[in-house]
Protein backbone atom coordinates (compact mmCIF):
# COMPACT_ATOMS: atom_id res chain seq x y z
CA UNK A 1 -43.43 -10.35 4.19
CA UNK A 2 -45.75 -12.59 2.20
CA UNK A 3 -45.09 -15.57 -0.01
CA UNK A 4 -45.37 -14.67 -3.70
CA UNK A 5 -45.60 -18.31 -4.81
CA UNK A 6 -48.78 -20.22 -4.05
CA UNK A 7 -48.61 -23.34 -1.88
CA UNK A 8 -49.74 -25.69 -4.66
CA UNK A 9 -46.80 -24.60 -6.77
CA UNK A 10 -44.44 -25.11 -3.84
CA UNK A 11 -45.90 -28.59 -3.24
CA UNK A 12 -45.30 -29.51 -6.86
CA UNK A 13 -41.75 -28.15 -6.83
CA UNK A 14 -40.75 -29.66 -3.47
CA UNK A 15 -42.49 -33.00 -3.82
CA UNK A 16 -40.09 -35.92 -3.57
CA UNK A 17 -40.50 -39.52 -2.58
CA UNK A 18 -37.88 -42.12 -1.84
CA UNK A 19 -38.95 -45.67 -0.95
CA UNK A 20 -36.89 -48.77 -0.27
CA UNK A 21 -38.21 -52.17 0.83
CA UNK A 22 -35.94 -55.15 1.13
CA UNK A 23 -35.18 -58.30 3.04
CA UNK A 24 -34.59 -58.18 6.77
CA UNK A 25 -30.86 -58.92 6.55
CA UNK A 26 -27.92 -56.75 7.47
CA UNK A 27 -27.39 -55.65 3.85
CA UNK A 28 -30.82 -53.99 3.75
CA UNK A 29 -30.26 -52.30 7.11
CA UNK A 30 -26.87 -51.03 5.98
CA UNK A 31 -28.33 -49.69 2.73
CA UNK A 32 -31.08 -47.90 4.68
CA UNK A 33 -28.46 -46.24 6.88
CA UNK A 34 -26.48 -45.15 3.82
CA UNK A 35 -29.64 -43.81 2.13
CA UNK A 36 -30.58 -41.82 5.21
CA UNK A 37 -27.09 -40.37 5.68
CA UNK A 38 -26.79 -39.36 2.04
CA UNK A 39 -30.30 -37.91 1.88
CA UNK A 40 -29.80 -35.80 4.99
CA UNK A 41 -26.44 -34.57 3.69
CA UNK A 42 -27.81 -33.58 0.26
CA UNK A 43 -31.32 -32.41 1.22
CA UNK A 44 -30.36 -28.76 1.93
CA UNK A 45 -28.64 -28.51 -1.46
CA UNK A 46 -31.57 -30.19 -3.23
CA UNK A 47 -34.21 -27.93 -1.68
CA UNK A 48 -32.20 -24.74 -2.18
CA UNK A 49 -31.63 -25.66 -5.82
CA UNK A 50 -35.41 -25.97 -6.26
CA UNK A 51 -36.45 -22.76 -4.47
CA UNK A 52 -33.68 -20.33 -5.47
CA UNK A 53 -35.35 -19.51 -8.83
CA UNK A 54 -38.36 -18.33 -6.76
CA UNK A 55 -36.21 -15.95 -4.72
CA UNK A 56 -36.35 -18.23 -1.67
CA UNK A 57 -33.77 -19.88 0.53
CA UNK A 58 -34.14 -23.01 2.64
CA UNK A 59 -32.72 -24.10 5.94
CA UNK A 60 -33.08 -27.60 7.40
CA UNK A 61 -33.85 -27.51 11.11
CA UNK A 62 -31.80 -29.76 13.33
CA UNK A 63 -34.39 -29.58 16.10
CA UNK A 64 -36.82 -32.42 16.70
CA UNK A 65 -40.14 -32.20 14.85
CA UNK A 66 -41.92 -32.71 18.17
CA UNK A 67 -40.32 -29.54 19.58
CA UNK A 68 -41.56 -27.48 16.64
CA UNK A 69 -44.84 -29.21 15.72
CA UNK A 70 -45.91 -31.17 18.82
CA UNK A 71 -49.51 -31.28 17.56
CA UNK A 72 -48.50 -33.44 14.58
CA UNK A 73 -49.19 -37.12 15.19
CA UNK A 74 -46.02 -38.12 13.33
CA UNK A 75 -43.86 -35.35 14.84
CA UNK A 76 -41.00 -37.74 15.67
CA UNK A 77 -40.69 -38.65 11.97
CA UNK A 78 -40.56 -35.09 10.62
CA UNK A 79 -37.68 -33.48 8.77
CA UNK A 80 -38.43 -29.75 8.67
CA UNK A 81 -37.19 -27.12 6.24
CA UNK A 82 -37.86 -23.43 6.66
CA UNK A 83 -38.26 -21.32 3.54
CA UNK A 84 -37.19 -17.69 3.66
CA UNK A 85 -37.43 -14.83 1.23
CA UNK A 86 -33.89 -13.84 0.30
CA UNK A 87 -32.25 -11.92 3.15
CA UNK A 88 -35.33 -12.26 5.43
CA UNK A 89 -34.80 -13.25 9.04
CA UNK A 90 -38.12 -15.05 9.61
CA UNK A 91 -39.42 -18.07 7.68
CA UNK A 92 -42.42 -17.75 5.39
CA UNK A 93 -43.38 -21.44 5.43
CA UNK A 94 -42.29 -24.72 6.92
CA UNK A 95 -41.87 -27.69 4.61
CA UNK A 96 -42.48 -30.94 6.47
CA UNK A 97 -41.07 -34.17 5.10
CA UNK A 98 -41.80 -37.48 6.73
CA UNK A 99 -39.03 -40.03 7.17
CA UNK A 100 -40.16 -43.52 8.13
CA UNK A 101 -37.37 -45.96 8.84
CA UNK A 102 -37.88 -49.59 9.82
CA UNK A 103 -35.92 -52.82 9.96
CA UNK A 104 -36.17 -53.32 6.20
CA UNK A 105 -38.04 -50.25 4.97
CA UNK A 106 -37.21 -46.63 4.31
CA UNK A 107 -39.66 -44.02 3.13
CA UNK A 108 -39.18 -40.28 2.71
CA UNK A 109 -41.80 -37.98 1.23
CA UNK A 110 -43.32 -34.52 1.32
CA UNK A 111 -45.81 -34.57 4.19
CA UNK A 112 -47.18 -31.01 4.10
CA UNK A 113 -46.36 -27.35 3.80
CA UNK A 114 -47.42 -25.15 6.69
CA UNK A 115 -47.65 -21.38 6.46
CA UNK A 116 -45.95 -19.60 9.31
CA UNK A 117 -48.55 -18.41 11.80
CA UNK A 118 -48.45 -14.70 12.68
């Protein structure tokens, strides 16, 4: 099965960026933890809401990015979504988001979209 939507359109639709920078106190660290928890809880709903009009479904992988894309330099910072055509059993593309979390910084953004190799 092939993807009927081009990758540039998918990039535009799935592009999101969340950035927080604050002081190095406990309040900033707590806010970063809350941001991460909420984002990871809502991300599947957000992505599915964006791709359903295209006849696609998304699934967030719980596996480590390094297990799936070990060749990626930032594999330990990847959050990976698989996009499927409705009722398909194999993904068409992988959507890679990068989550960078530090003492007083949090950044989440679309890293790249990778077509599933045959």
